[in-house]
Protein backbone atom coordinates (compact mmCIF):
# COMPACT_ATOMS: atom_id res chain seq x y z
CA UNK A 1 -17.67 -25.67 -3.17
CA UNK A 2 -18.38 -22.52 -1.37
CA UNK A 3 -16.20 -19.56 -1.34
CA UNK A 4 -13.99 -19.48 1.83
CA UNK A 5 -14.43 -16.80 4.38
CA UNK A 6 -11.42 -14.62 4.46
CA UNK A 7 -10.86 -11.80 6.96
CA UNK A 8 -8.33 -9.08 6.38
CA UNK A 9 -5.99 -10.37 8.80
CA UNK A 10 -6.11 -13.97 7.19
CA UNK A 11 -2.60 -14.69 5.43
CA UNK A 12 -2.73 -18.58 5.22
CA UNK A 13 -4.98 -20.97 3.42
CA UNK A 14 -5.42 -24.57 3.19
CA UNK A 15 -6.70 -26.71 0.39
CA UNK A 16 -8.47 -30.14 0.86
CA UNK A 17 -7.57 -32.23 -2.06
CA UNK A 18 -9.04 -35.68 -2.98
CA UNK A 19 -6.73 -38.04 -5.24
CA UNK A 20 -9.15 -40.46 -7.08
CA UNK A 21 -6.85 -42.71 -8.61
CA UNK A 22 -3.10 -43.27 -8.21
CA UNK A 23 -1.52 -40.12 -9.73
CA UNK A 24 2.08 -39.88 -10.90
CA UNK A 25 3.40 -36.25 -11.87
CA UNK A 26 6.69 -34.50 -12.39
CA UNK A 27 6.85 -31.64 -10.09
CA UNK A 28 9.63 -29.23 -11.21
CA UNK A 29 12.91 -30.00 -9.57
CA UNK A 30 11.32 -32.59 -7.13
CA UNK A 31 10.95 -34.93 -10.23
CA UNK A 32 8.75 -37.83 -10.22
CA UNK A 33 6.27 -38.12 -7.46
CA UNK A 34 3.75 -40.72 -6.89
CA UNK A 35 0.31 -40.22 -4.89
CA UNK A 36 -2.01 -42.92 -3.94
CA UNK A 37 -5.64 -42.33 -3.65
CA UNK A 38 -6.88 -40.59 -0.75
CA UNK A 39 -7.22 -37.14 0.72
CA UNK A 40 -4.55 -34.65 1.29
CA UNK A 41 -4.20 -31.00 2.74
CA UNK A 42 -1.85 -28.50 1.44
CA UNK A 43 -1.01 -25.20 3.44
CA UNK A 44 0.07 -22.11 1.82
CA UNK A 45 0.20 -18.38 2.12
CA UNK A 46 -0.23 -15.04 0.33
CA UNK A 47 1.04 -11.77 1.80
CA UNK A 48 -1.53 -10.02 -0.27
CA UNK A 49 -4.80 -10.88 -2.22
CA UNK A 50 -5.31 -14.29 -0.56
CA UNK A 51 -8.59 -14.63 -2.71
CA UNK A 52 -6.78 -14.55 -6.06
CA UNK A 53 -4.11 -16.88 -4.75
CA UNK A 54 -6.92 -19.37 -3.96
CA UNK A 55 -8.80 -18.80 -7.14
CA UNK A 56 -5.54 -19.45 -9.15
CA UNK A 57 -5.24 -22.75 -7.45
CA UNK A 58 -8.72 -23.89 -8.22
CA UNK A 59 -8.23 -22.87 -11.88
CA UNK A 60 -7.16 -25.77 -14.14
CA UNK A 61 -5.58 -23.67 -16.71
CA UNK A 62 -2.63 -21.94 -15.41
CA UNK A 63 1.36 -21.51 -15.79
CA UNK A 64 2.93 -24.21 -13.65
CA UNK A 65 5.00 -22.69 -11.12
CA UNK A 66 4.56 -24.06 -7.62
CA UNK A 67 4.56 -28.00 -6.78
CA UNK A 68 1.04 -27.87 -5.83
CA UNK A 69 0.22 -26.59 -9.51
CA UNK A 70 1.57 -30.17 -11.03
CA UNK A 71 -0.78 -31.95 -8.81
CA UNK A 72 -3.87 -29.92 -9.34
CA UNK A 73 -4.07 -30.02 -12.96
CA UNK A 74 -4.34 -33.74 -13.07
CA UNK A 75 -7.84 -34.98 -13.99
CA UNK A 76 -7.81 -37.57 -11.19
CA UNK A 77 -7.23 -34.81 -8.57
CA UNK A 78 -9.95 -32.34 -7.13
CA UNK A 79 -9.85 -29.49 -4.45
CA UNK A 80 -12.86 -30.66 -2.07
CA UNK A 81 -12.60 -27.70 0.30
CA UNK A 82 -10.67 -24.55 1.41
CA UNK A 83 -9.97 -22.87 4.68
CA UNK A 84 -8.35 -19.65 5.62
CA UNK A 85 -6.62 -18.52 8.70
CA UNK A 86 -4.51 -15.67 10.52
CA UNK A 87 -2.06 -18.32 11.77
CA UNK A 88 1.28 -18.28 9.99
CA UNK A 89 1.55 -20.84 7.25
CA UNK A 90 4.12 -23.18 8.92
CA UNK A 91 2.52 -22.88 12.18
CA UNK A 92 -0.68 -23.82 10.80
CA UNK A 93 0.84 -26.57 8.62
CA UNK A 94 2.84 -28.09 11.86
CA UNK A 95 -0.67 -28.26 13.83
CA UNK A 96 -2.08 -30.58 11.02
CA UNK A 97 -1.85 -34.28 11.57
CA UNK A 98 -0.88 -36.47 8.45
CA UNK A 99 1.82 -38.19 6.87
CA UNK A 100 4.33 -36.52 4.34
CA UNK A 101 4.12 -38.23 1.18
CA UNK A 102 6.67 -36.27 -0.65
CA UNK A 103 9.32 -34.53 1.41
CA UNK A 104 9.79 -31.21 0.60
CA UNK A 105 6.60 -30.85 -1.57
CA UNK A 106 5.34 -27.30 -1.34
CA UNK A 107 8.17 -26.11 0.97
CA UNK A 108 11.03 -24.99 -1.19
CA UNK A 109 11.06 -21.77 0.67
CA UNK A 110 10.10 -23.05 4.18
CA UNK A 111 12.35 -21.72 7.08
CA UNK A 112 10.64 -23.74 9.76
CA UNK A 113 11.75 -27.31 8.85
CA UNK A 114 8.13 -28.42 8.12
CA UNK A 115 9.38 -31.25 6.00
CA UNK A 116 6.52 -30.53 3.50
CA UNK A 117 3.33 -28.44 3.14
CA UNK A 118 1.51 -31.23 1.79
CA UNK A 119 0.04 -33.94 4.00
CA UNK A 120 -1.77 -37.02 3.37
CA UNK A 121 -4.50 -37.30 5.72
CA UNK A 122 -5.00 -40.55 7.96
CA UNK A 123 -8.22 -42.10 8.50
CA UNK A 124 -9.13 -42.00 12.25
């Protein structure tokens, strides 16, 4: 996967994720979460050092902190792409079409009623 272009004004990132087999994880306070195979997109942000945040997500060895960490370390899950944007996280997330598989996933601190910051992409 090529490194995403990241301008100084970029504050948000989107991970494109492929779940190869049915996956069940326990994601912190959300508890047990089931993910059917398919493609997903996770939208997040970093106030500073966006590239470091992305690199952390791409690493398999890390302290589990965010909901997305629990999903990304699963062996049947891979990040297949990354984008960055100057659009604020919630606004960019709300522009993305898709289903919310786990309400609240990745949105513990969301103030904009996104529902979740992980979406399952629907086929056209």
